[in-house]
Amino acid sequence: MKDRPKPPSIRKRTNPSGKKIWVVDYIDPETGNRKRENVGTRKEDADRHANQLYDQMMIKWRGEVLSSKKTRLWMNYLRRSFGIVSIH
């Protein structure tokens, strides 16, 4: 059994042009490689993207079906019950 996936980290980066962008940094569970995705200039977008990635990683880790409505409802219930603020 693979190890439980770690949540993606979110950080701010300055481009050479001086523009600040948010980056989501995570380890892809399938390949084991580190990935960095430039999300945009808003932290809310980065939070939403990181939550979506983590949900997908956890669903794959548990072996559940990604498109299941029951799974999405269950994940939303868990988020609300444990007080996680940002919900995608």
C-alpha atoms as a PDB file:
ATOM      1  CA  MET A   1       0.000   0.000   0.000  1.00  0.00           C
ATOM      2  CA  LYS A   2       1.283   3.450  -0.897  1.00  0.00           C
ATOM      3  CA  ASP A   3       1.787   6.105   1.739  1.00  0.00           C
ATOM      4  CA  ARG A   4      -0.962   8.615   2.305  1.00  0.00           C
ATOM      5  CA  PRO A   5      -0.501  11.633  -0.015  1.00  0.00           C
ATOM      6  CA  LYS A   6       0.719  14.851   1.552  1.00  0.00           C
ATOM      7  CA  PRO A   7      -1.340  18.025   1.030  1.00  0.00           C
ATOM      8  CA  PRO A   8       0.000  20.468  -1.571  1.00  0.00           C
ATOM      9  CA  SER A   9       1.820  23.551  -0.324  1.00  0.00           C
ATOM     10  CA  ILE A  10       0.953  27.040  -1.514  1.00  0.00           C
ATOM     11  CA  ARG A  11       3.500  29.837  -1.746  1.00  0.00           C
ATOM     12  CA  LYS A  12       3.946  33.215  -3.369  1.00  0.00           C
ATOM     13  CA  ARG A  13       6.641  33.699  -6.000  1.00  0.00           C
ATOM     14  CA  THR A  14       7.928  36.767  -7.823  1.00  0.00           C
ATOM     15  CA  ASN A  15       8.414  36.445 -11.564  1.00  0.00           C
ATOM     16  CA  PRO A  16      11.423  38.115 -13.218  1.00  0.00           C
ATOM     17  CA  SER A  17       8.985  40.776 -14.445  1.00  0.00           C
ATOM     18  CA  GLY A  18       8.157  41.660 -10.821  1.00  0.00           C
ATOM     19  CA  LYS A  19       4.653  40.180 -10.890  1.00  0.00           C
ATOM     20  CA  LYS A  20       3.640  38.123  -7.828  1.00  0.00           C
ATOM     21  CA  ILE A  21       2.017  34.749  -8.501  1.00  0.00           C
ATOM     22  CA  TRP A  22       0.835  31.868  -6.325  1.00  0.00           C
ATOM     23  CA  VAL A  23       2.370  28.437  -6.858  1.00  0.00           C
ATOM     24  CA  VAL A  24       0.929  25.068  -5.816  1.00  0.00           C
ATOM     25  CA  ASP A  25       3.715  22.594  -5.036  1.00  0.00           C
ATOM     26  CA  TYR A  26       2.976  18.879  -4.594  1.00  0.00           C
ATOM     27  CA  ILE A  27       4.305  15.366  -5.182  1.00  0.00           C
ATOM     28  CA  ASP A  28       2.457  13.415  -7.854  1.00  0.00           C
ATOM     29  CA  PRO A  29       1.460  10.090  -6.232  1.00  0.00           C
ATOM     30  CA  GLU A  30       1.547   8.172  -9.515  1.00  0.00           C
ATOM     31  CA  THR A  31       5.065   9.127 -10.603  1.00  0.00           C
ATOM     32  CA  GLY A  32       6.583  10.247  -7.298  1.00  0.00           C
ATOM     33  CA  ASN A  33       7.897  13.416  -8.956  1.00  0.00           C
ATOM     34  CA  ARG A  34       7.568  16.904  -7.548  1.00  0.00           C
ATOM     35  CA  LYS A  35       5.272  19.186  -9.534  1.00  0.00           C
ATOM     36  CA  ARG A  36       4.808  22.938  -9.379  1.00  0.00           C
ATOM     37  CA  GLU A  37       1.859  24.685 -10.972  1.00  0.00           C
ATOM     38  CA  ASN A  38       1.573  28.453 -11.368  1.00  0.00           C
ATOM     39  CA  VAL A  39      -2.026  29.204 -10.466  1.00  0.00           C
ATOM     40  CA  GLY A  40      -2.466  32.966 -10.684  1.00  0.00           C
ATOM     41  CA  THR A  41      -2.369  36.205  -8.763  1.00  0.00           C
ATOM     42  CA  ARG A  42      -5.181  35.369  -6.295  1.00  0.00           C
ATOM     43  CA  LYS A  43      -4.597  33.222  -3.206  1.00  0.00           C
ATOM     44  CA  GLU A  44      -8.221  32.027  -3.260  1.00  0.00           C
ATOM     45  CA  ASP A  45      -7.621  30.423  -6.659  1.00  0.00           C
ATOM     46  CA  ALA A  46      -4.493  28.710  -5.337  1.00  0.00           C
ATOM     47  CA  ASP A  47      -6.379  27.410  -2.275  1.00  0.00           C
ATOM     48  CA  ARG A  48      -9.197  26.102  -4.445  1.00  0.00           C
ATOM     49  CA  HIS A  49      -6.767  24.385  -6.825  1.00  0.00           C
ATOM     50  CA  ALA A  50      -4.768  22.831  -3.959  1.00  0.00           C
ATOM     51  CA  ASN A  51      -7.957  21.490  -2.332  1.00  0.00           C
ATOM     52  CA  GLN A  52      -9.095  20.016  -5.625  1.00  0.00           C
ATOM     53  CA  LEU A  53      -5.720  18.323  -6.194  1.00  0.00           C
ATOM     54  CA  TYR A  54      -5.658  16.922  -2.662  1.00  0.00           C
ATOM     55  CA  ASP A  55      -9.210  15.583  -2.971  1.00  0.00           C
ATOM     56  CA  GLN A  56      -8.291  13.833  -6.216  1.00  0.00           C
ATOM     57  CA  MET A  57      -5.132  12.358  -4.651  1.00  0.00           C
ATOM     58  CA  MET A  58      -7.073  11.077  -1.622  1.00  0.00           C
ATOM     59  CA  ILE A  59      -9.813   9.568  -3.780  1.00  0.00           C
ATOM     60  CA  LYS A  60      -7.227   7.720  -5.878  1.00  0.00           C
ATOM     61  CA  TRP A  61      -5.393   6.624  -2.716  1.00  0.00           C
ATOM     62  CA  ARG A  62      -8.596   5.184  -1.242  1.00  0.00           C
ATOM     63  CA  GLY A  63      -9.520   3.552  -4.540  1.00  0.00           C
ATOM     64  CA  GLU A  64     -12.825   5.350  -4.964  1.00  0.00           C
ATOM     65  CA  VAL A  65     -14.386   6.426  -8.226  1.00  0.00           C
ATOM     66  CA  LEU A  66     -13.633  10.065  -9.105  1.00  0.00           C
ATOM     67  CA  SER A  67     -16.941  10.874 -10.742  1.00  0.00           C
ATOM     68  CA  SER A  68     -19.145   9.516  -7.975  1.00  0.00           C
ATOM     69  CA  LYS A  69     -21.641  12.070  -6.655  1.00  0.00           C
ATOM     70  CA  LYS A  70     -21.769  10.181  -3.360  1.00  0.00           C
ATOM     71  CA  THR A  71     -17.998  10.618  -2.995  1.00  0.00           C
ATOM     72  CA  ARG A  72     -18.196  14.380  -3.632  1.00  0.00           C
ATOM     73  CA  LEU A  73     -21.008  14.753  -1.101  1.00  0.00           C
ATOM     74  CA  TRP A  74     -19.062  12.728   1.469  1.00  0.00           C
ATOM     75  CA  MET A  75     -15.902  14.840   0.973  1.00  0.00           C
ATOM     76  CA  ASN A  76     -17.922  18.069   1.362  1.00  0.00           C
ATOM     77  CA  TYR A  77     -19.508  16.708   4.546  1.00  0.00           C
ATOM     78  CA  LEU A  78     -16.086  15.831   5.984  1.00  0.00           C
ATOM     79  CA  ARG A  79     -14.720  19.273   5.132  1.00  0.00           C
ATOM     80  CA  ARG A  80     -17.620  21.020   6.834  1.00  0.00           C
ATOM     81  CA  SER A  81     -17.573  18.789   9.903  1.00  0.00           C
ATOM     82  CA  PHE A  82     -13.840  19.288  10.500  1.00  0.00           C
ATOM     83  CA  GLY A  83     -14.002  23.044   9.916  1.00  0.00           C
ATOM     84  CA  ILE A  84     -11.921  23.307   6.757  1.00  0.00           C
ATOM     85  CA  VAL A  85     -12.611  26.803   5.447  1.00  0.00           C
ATOM     86  CA  SER A  86     -11.923  26.696   1.718  1.00  0.00           C
ATOM     87  CA  ILE A  87     -14.270  24.445  -0.220  1.00  0.00           C
ATOM     88  CA  HIS A  88     -13.953  24.234  -3.997  1.00  0.00           C
END
